[in-house]
Every structure is written in structure tokens, then in C-alpha cells.
Amino acid sequence: FTILWFVIQLISYNVNLIIQKSGEYESNLNALVTNLDDITGISNVDVFITDHISTLDIDIQSIATGTLNVVSALLGNFALVLVYVIFLLIEENFMPLKINAMFSKEKGKQDFSYILNRINKSINVYFTVKFIVSLVTGILSYIVLIIIGVDFTQLWAFLIFIFTFIP
């Protein structure tokens, strides 16, 4: 819960910064559009872009529907995983009893326990290495983003860490 609280604080802090700097970004975008003629060498680029945007057949309703479908599917999958985790945590205490009931011979119990321990160690090693690699990637990205001068470096580094961590 503490980690979740820090993540929420980081995201809300950066969203507030984005809102505060939105005027600056808008003026930069307006200046870019104004200077687009010089940059591209095409006269009246803003009129050209406006004309082409108006000819695009964009269905906002289908985009919103698709976005809501994706969000609801993600939330549904998250809820399903949460239910599985809850059941696994509840059943964890009863696992030794179930192993004893599954195997009548001591050798079978020992072999099964050995295999479970190896699987557990392998998963722990995987997550440890994955965490360290993602953390180092996030820290190095943070340093590079600061050197480059990108805004919201903490948010970008956190997102890089998360998206590197998630396979």
C-alpha cells in the first residue's frame, strides 16, 4: 500500500505539473505552427494541414467506444487476476495438507517438495533479476532525460521502469 501511495503521489504531482505547463506547451505549439512554413519550406503549411485534417473521416464515437472496451477488458482481467491471487493466498496454508493427501509414500512427497522449491527459487531469481534490470533501466533513463532536459523526468523514468518490468 505504501508503494501504491507513492505511485499515486508521483502521478498526481506530474499531472498537476502538466496542467501548470500546458500554457507553455500551447504557446510552443503555436510558435511551431507559425514557423512551420520556414521549417518545411512549404507555404501555408497550417492551411494545408487544416484542410487535410478536415478531410479525414474520424469517428470519435468509435474511438471512444474502442477505448472504453479496452479499459473495461483490462479492468476485467485485473479483477480476475486479483480473484486468483486471493484464492491462491487463502489456499497457501492448506498446501502441505494437500501434498500429504496426494502422496502416500514419503519419497513422492520429498520429490514433489523438491520440485516446488526449485520452481519457487527460479521464479524468485527471475523476478529479482527483472526488478534489478528494470530499476537500472529506469535510473539510467532518468539520468539521460535530465541531461537532455526533458520535462517530467520522474514520471517518464517510472513509466520506463514499469513497462520494462512488465513482460
C-alpha atoms as a PDB file:
ATOM      1  CA  PHE A   1       0.000   0.000   0.000  1.00  0.00           C
ATOM      2  CA  THR A   2       2.919   2.331   0.671  1.00  0.00           C
ATOM      3  CA  ILE A   3       4.323   1.742  -2.803  1.00  0.00           C
ATOM      4  CA  LEU A   4       0.876   2.297  -4.301  1.00  0.00           C
ATOM      5  CA  TRP A   5       0.555   5.540  -2.324  1.00  0.00           C
ATOM      6  CA  PHE A   6       3.935   6.758  -3.673  1.00  0.00           C
ATOM      7  CA  VAL A   7       2.936   5.847  -7.227  1.00  0.00           C
ATOM      8  CA  ILE A   8      -0.338   7.762  -6.897  1.00  0.00           C
ATOM      9  CA  GLN A   9       1.521  10.747  -5.439  1.00  0.00           C
ATOM     10  CA  LEU A  10       4.064  10.676  -8.286  1.00  0.00           C
ATOM     11  CA  ILE A  11       1.383  10.517 -10.949  1.00  0.00           C
ATOM     12  CA  SER A  12      -0.826  13.210  -9.386  1.00  0.00           C
ATOM     13  CA  TYR A  13       2.181  15.512  -8.885  1.00  0.00           C
ATOM     14  CA  ASN A  14       3.194  15.135 -12.531  1.00  0.00           C
ATOM     15  CA  VAL A  15      -0.375  15.578 -13.793  1.00  0.00           C
ATOM     16  CA  ASN A  16      -0.541  18.858 -11.849  1.00  0.00           C
ATOM     17  CA  LEU A  17       2.770  19.917 -13.401  1.00  0.00           C
ATOM     18  CA  ILE A  18       1.477  19.068 -16.867  1.00  0.00           C
ATOM     19  CA  ILE A  19      -1.627  21.165 -16.207  1.00  0.00           C
ATOM     20  CA  GLN A  20       0.525  24.067 -14.974  1.00  0.00           C
ATOM     21  CA  LYS A  21       2.808  23.893 -18.013  1.00  0.00           C
ATOM     22  CA  SER A  22       0.030  23.376 -20.565  1.00  0.00           C
ATOM     23  CA  GLY A  23       0.006  27.097 -21.418  1.00  0.00           C
ATOM     24  CA  GLU A  24       3.728  26.968 -22.141  1.00  0.00           C
ATOM     25  CA  TYR A  25       3.278  23.912 -24.358  1.00  0.00           C
ATOM     26  CA  GLU A  26       0.388  25.559 -26.157  1.00  0.00           C
ATOM     27  CA  SER A  27       2.468  28.660 -26.909  1.00  0.00           C
ATOM     28  CA  ASN A  28       5.363  26.457 -28.079  1.00  0.00           C
ATOM     29  CA  LEU A  29       2.993  24.548 -30.359  1.00  0.00           C
ATOM     30  CA  ASN A  30       1.537  27.782 -31.728  1.00  0.00           C
ATOM     31  CA  ALA A  31       5.054  29.104 -32.381  1.00  0.00           C
ATOM     32  CA  LEU A  32       5.940  25.840 -34.126  1.00  0.00           C
ATOM     33  CA  VAL A  33       2.853  26.049 -36.333  1.00  0.00           C
ATOM     34  CA  THR A  34       3.630  29.682 -37.094  1.00  0.00           C
ATOM     35  CA  ASN A  35       7.199  28.786 -38.081  1.00  0.00           C
ATOM     36  CA  LEU A  36       6.159  25.649 -39.939  1.00  0.00           C
ATOM     37  CA  ASP A  37       6.425  27.465 -43.276  1.00  0.00           C
ATOM     38  CA  ASP A  38      10.101  28.195 -42.636  1.00  0.00           C
ATOM     39  CA  ILE A  39      10.846  24.732 -41.247  1.00  0.00           C
ATOM     40  CA  THR A  40       9.254  22.736 -44.081  1.00  0.00           C
ATOM     41  CA  GLY A  41       9.759  25.160 -46.930  1.00  0.00           C
ATOM     42  CA  ILE A  42       6.089  24.788 -47.880  1.00  0.00           C
ATOM     43  CA  SER A  43       3.966  27.910 -47.877  1.00  0.00           C
ATOM     44  CA  ASN A  44       0.754  27.904 -45.872  1.00  0.00           C
ATOM     45  CA  VAL A  45       1.507  24.602 -44.152  1.00  0.00           C
ATOM     46  CA  ASP A  46      -1.022  25.328 -41.422  1.00  0.00           C
ATOM     47  CA  VAL A  47      -3.793  25.748 -44.042  1.00  0.00           C
ATOM     48  CA  PHE A  48      -2.591  22.566 -45.776  1.00  0.00           C
ATOM     49  CA  ILE A  49      -2.713  20.607 -42.502  1.00  0.00           C
ATOM     50  CA  THR A  50      -6.102  22.061 -41.540  1.00  0.00           C
ATOM     51  CA  ASP A  51      -7.549  21.113 -44.933  1.00  0.00           C
ATOM     52  CA  HIS A  52      -6.227  17.567 -44.682  1.00  0.00           C
ATOM     53  CA  ILE A  53      -7.425  17.117 -41.107  1.00  0.00           C
ATOM     54  CA  SER A  54     -10.912  18.222 -42.096  1.00  0.00           C
ATOM     55  CA  THR A  55     -10.990  15.619 -44.892  1.00  0.00           C
ATOM     56  CA  LEU A  56     -10.130  12.796 -42.500  1.00  0.00           C
ATOM     57  CA  ASP A  57     -13.088  10.649 -41.578  1.00  0.00           C
ATOM     58  CA  ILE A  58     -12.592  10.359 -37.828  1.00  0.00           C
ATOM     59  CA  ASP A  59     -15.382   8.727 -35.880  1.00  0.00           C
ATOM     60  CA  ILE A  60     -14.970   9.980 -32.326  1.00  0.00           C
ATOM     61  CA  GLN A  61     -17.725   7.698 -31.060  1.00  0.00           C
ATOM     62  CA  SER A  62     -15.997   4.546 -32.342  1.00  0.00           C
ATOM     63  CA  ILE A  63     -12.675   5.682 -30.878  1.00  0.00           C
ATOM     64  CA  ALA A  64     -14.324   6.340 -27.508  1.00  0.00           C
ATOM     65  CA  THR A  65     -16.162   3.009 -27.651  1.00  0.00           C
ATOM     66  CA  GLY A  66     -12.960   1.155 -28.516  1.00  0.00           C
ATOM     67  CA  THR A  67     -11.090   2.892 -25.719  1.00  0.00           C
ATOM     68  CA  LEU A  68     -13.798   2.043 -23.195  1.00  0.00           C
ATOM     69  CA  ASN A  69     -13.814  -1.566 -24.398  1.00  0.00           C
ATOM     70  CA  VAL A  70     -10.062  -1.826 -23.879  1.00  0.00           C
ATOM     71  CA  VAL A  71     -10.245  -0.219 -20.434  1.00  0.00           C
ATOM     72  CA  SER A  72     -13.110  -2.472 -19.366  1.00  0.00           C
ATOM     73  CA  ALA A  73     -11.254  -5.564 -20.634  1.00  0.00           C
ATOM     74  CA  LEU A  74      -8.149  -4.513 -18.702  1.00  0.00           C
ATOM     75  CA  LEU A  75     -10.161  -3.933 -15.540  1.00  0.00           C
ATOM     76  CA  GLY A  76     -11.908  -7.271 -16.001  1.00  0.00           C
ATOM     77  CA  ASN A  77      -8.580  -9.066 -16.409  1.00  0.00           C
ATOM     78  CA  PHE A  78      -7.212  -7.256 -13.368  1.00  0.00           C
ATOM     79  CA  ALA A  79     -10.237  -8.333 -11.310  1.00  0.00           C
ATOM     80  CA  LEU A  80      -9.828 -11.930 -12.487  1.00  0.00           C
ATOM     81  CA  VAL A  81      -6.142 -11.968 -11.568  1.00  0.00           C
ATOM     82  CA  LEU A  82      -6.998 -10.442  -8.200  1.00  0.00           C
ATOM     83  CA  VAL A  83      -9.541 -13.201  -7.517  1.00  0.00           C
ATOM     84  CA  TYR A  84      -6.971 -15.860  -8.469  1.00  0.00           C
ATOM     85  CA  VAL A  85      -4.375 -14.294  -6.190  1.00  0.00           C
ATOM     86  CA  ILE A  86      -6.823 -14.156  -3.299  1.00  0.00           C
ATOM     87  CA  PHE A  87      -7.702 -17.832  -3.742  1.00  0.00           C
ATOM     88  CA  LEU A  88      -4.030 -18.787  -4.015  1.00  0.00           C
ATOM     89  CA  LEU A  89      -3.202 -16.885  -0.841  1.00  0.00           C
ATOM     90  CA  ILE A  90      -6.105 -18.468   1.014  1.00  0.00           C
ATOM     91  CA  GLU A  91      -5.127 -21.977  -0.141  1.00  0.00           C
ATOM     92  CA  GLU A  92      -1.424 -21.473   0.637  1.00  0.00           C
ATOM     93  CA  ASN A  93      -1.876 -22.544   4.272  1.00  0.00           C
ATOM     94  CA  PHE A  94      -3.529 -25.800   3.233  1.00  0.00           C
ATOM     95  CA  MET A  95      -0.900 -26.774   0.622  1.00  0.00           C
ATOM     96  CA  PRO A  96       1.120 -29.081   2.932  1.00  0.00           C
ATOM     97  CA  LEU A  97      -2.053 -30.963   3.854  1.00  0.00           C
ATOM     98  CA  LYS A  98      -2.940 -31.385   0.191  1.00  0.00           C
ATOM     99  CA  ILE A  99       0.575 -32.607  -0.657  1.00  0.00           C
ATOM    100  CA  ASN A 100       0.364 -35.154   2.161  1.00  0.00           C
ATOM    101  CA  ALA A 101      -3.014 -36.328   0.858  1.00  0.00           C
ATOM    102  CA  MET A 102      -1.699 -36.607  -2.724  1.00  0.00           C
ATOM    103  CA  PHE A 103       1.256 -38.852  -1.937  1.00  0.00           C
ATOM    104  CA  SER A 104       1.140 -41.944   0.209  1.00  0.00           C
ATOM    105  CA  LYS A 105       4.916 -42.549   0.098  1.00  0.00           C
ATOM    106  CA  GLU A 106       7.456 -40.259   1.720  1.00  0.00           C
ATOM    107  CA  LYS A 107       9.697 -40.353  -1.377  1.00  0.00           C
ATOM    108  CA  GLY A 108       6.913 -38.872  -3.525  1.00  0.00           C
ATOM    109  CA  LYS A 109       6.356 -36.071  -1.026  1.00  0.00           C
ATOM    110  CA  GLN A 110      10.072 -35.275  -0.933  1.00  0.00           C
ATOM    111  CA  ASP A 111      10.373 -35.270  -4.742  1.00  0.00           C
ATOM    112  CA  PHE A 112       7.329 -33.048  -5.098  1.00  0.00           C
ATOM    113  CA  SER A 113       8.572 -30.655  -2.408  1.00  0.00           C
ATOM    114  CA  TYR A 114      11.989 -30.532  -4.091  1.00  0.00           C
ATOM    115  CA  ILE A 115      10.398 -29.660  -7.434  1.00  0.00           C
ATOM    116  CA  LEU A 116       8.215 -26.973  -5.844  1.00  0.00           C
ATOM    117  CA  ASN A 117      11.233 -25.465  -4.081  1.00  0.00           C
ATOM    118  CA  ARG A 118      13.193 -25.362  -7.361  1.00  0.00           C
ATOM    119  CA  ILE A 119      10.271 -23.690  -9.129  1.00  0.00           C
ATOM    120  CA  ASN A 120       9.933 -21.191  -6.286  1.00  0.00           C
ATOM    121  CA  LYS A 121      13.655 -20.359  -6.335  1.00  0.00           C
ATOM    122  CA  SER A 122      13.648 -19.986 -10.124  1.00  0.00           C
ATOM    123  CA  ILE A 123      10.683 -17.630 -10.022  1.00  0.00           C
ATOM    124  CA  ASN A 124      12.311 -15.595  -7.247  1.00  0.00           C
ATOM    125  CA  VAL A 125      15.554 -15.332  -9.225  1.00  0.00           C
ATOM    126  CA  TYR A 126      13.604 -14.300 -12.340  1.00  0.00           C
ATOM    127  CA  PHE A 127      11.704 -11.553 -10.523  1.00  0.00           C
ATOM    128  CA  THR A 128      14.838 -10.339  -8.734  1.00  0.00           C
ATOM    129  CA  VAL A 129      16.789 -10.051 -11.981  1.00  0.00           C
ATOM    130  CA  LYS A 130      13.808  -8.499 -13.770  1.00  0.00           C
ATOM    131  CA  PHE A 131      13.389  -5.948 -10.979  1.00  0.00           C
ATOM    132  CA  ILE A 132      17.083  -5.019 -10.945  1.00  0.00           C
ATOM    133  CA  VAL A 133      17.280  -4.689 -14.739  1.00  0.00           C
ATOM    134  CA  SER A 134      14.099  -2.586 -14.820  1.00  0.00           C
ATOM    135  CA  LEU A 135      15.331  -0.416 -11.943  1.00  0.00           C
ATOM    136  CA  VAL A 136      18.706   0.185 -13.589  1.00  0.00           C
ATOM    137  CA  THR A 137      16.970   0.971 -16.888  1.00  0.00           C
ATOM    138  CA  GLY A 138      14.668   3.436 -15.125  1.00  0.00           C
ATOM    139  CA  ILE A 139      17.553   5.122 -13.276  1.00  0.00           C
ATOM    140  CA  LEU A 140      19.710   5.395 -16.405  1.00  0.00           C
ATOM    141  CA  SER A 141      16.729   6.729 -18.348  1.00  0.00           C
ATOM    142  CA  TYR A 142      16.123   9.282 -15.605  1.00  0.00           C
ATOM    143  CA  ILE A 143      19.739  10.465 -15.823  1.00  0.00           C
ATOM    144  CA  VAL A 144      19.643  10.673 -19.629  1.00  0.00           C
ATOM    145  CA  LEU A 145      16.308  12.507 -19.570  1.00  0.00           C
ATOM    146  CA  ILE A 146      17.694  15.046 -17.083  1.00  0.00           C
ATOM    147  CA  ILE A 147      20.769  15.576 -19.271  1.00  0.00           C
ATOM    148  CA  ILE A 148      18.604  16.072 -22.350  1.00  0.00           C
ATOM    149  CA  GLY A 149      16.315  18.421 -20.430  1.00  0.00           C
ATOM    150  CA  VAL A 150      13.021  16.574 -20.806  1.00  0.00           C
ATOM    151  CA  ASP A 151      10.142  17.695 -18.601  1.00  0.00           C
ATOM    152  CA  PHE A 152       8.578  15.283 -16.100  1.00  0.00           C
ATOM    153  CA  THR A 153      11.669  13.062 -15.879  1.00  0.00           C
ATOM    154  CA  GLN A 154      10.390  11.289 -12.756  1.00  0.00           C
ATOM    155  CA  LEU A 155       7.165  10.269 -14.474  1.00  0.00           C
ATOM    156  CA  TRP A 156       8.961   9.099 -17.637  1.00  0.00           C
ATOM    157  CA  ALA A 157      11.541   7.141 -15.649  1.00  0.00           C
ATOM    158  CA  PHE A 158       8.777   5.494 -13.616  1.00  0.00           C
ATOM    159  CA  LEU A 159       6.868   4.556 -16.771  1.00  0.00           C
ATOM    160  CA  ILE A 160      10.065   3.166 -18.308  1.00  0.00           C
ATOM    161  CA  PHE A 161      10.646   1.099 -15.163  1.00  0.00           C
ATOM    162  CA  ILE A 162       7.066  -0.230 -15.194  1.00  0.00           C
ATOM    163  CA  PHE A 163       6.984  -1.012 -18.914  1.00  0.00           C
ATOM    164  CA  THR A 164      10.380  -2.680 -18.743  1.00  0.00           C
ATOM    165  CA  PHE A 165       9.277  -4.734 -15.751  1.00  0.00           C
ATOM    166  CA  ILE A 166       6.025  -5.921 -17.328  1.00  0.00           C
ATOM    167  CA  PRO A 167       6.897  -8.638 -19.860  1.00  0.00           C
END
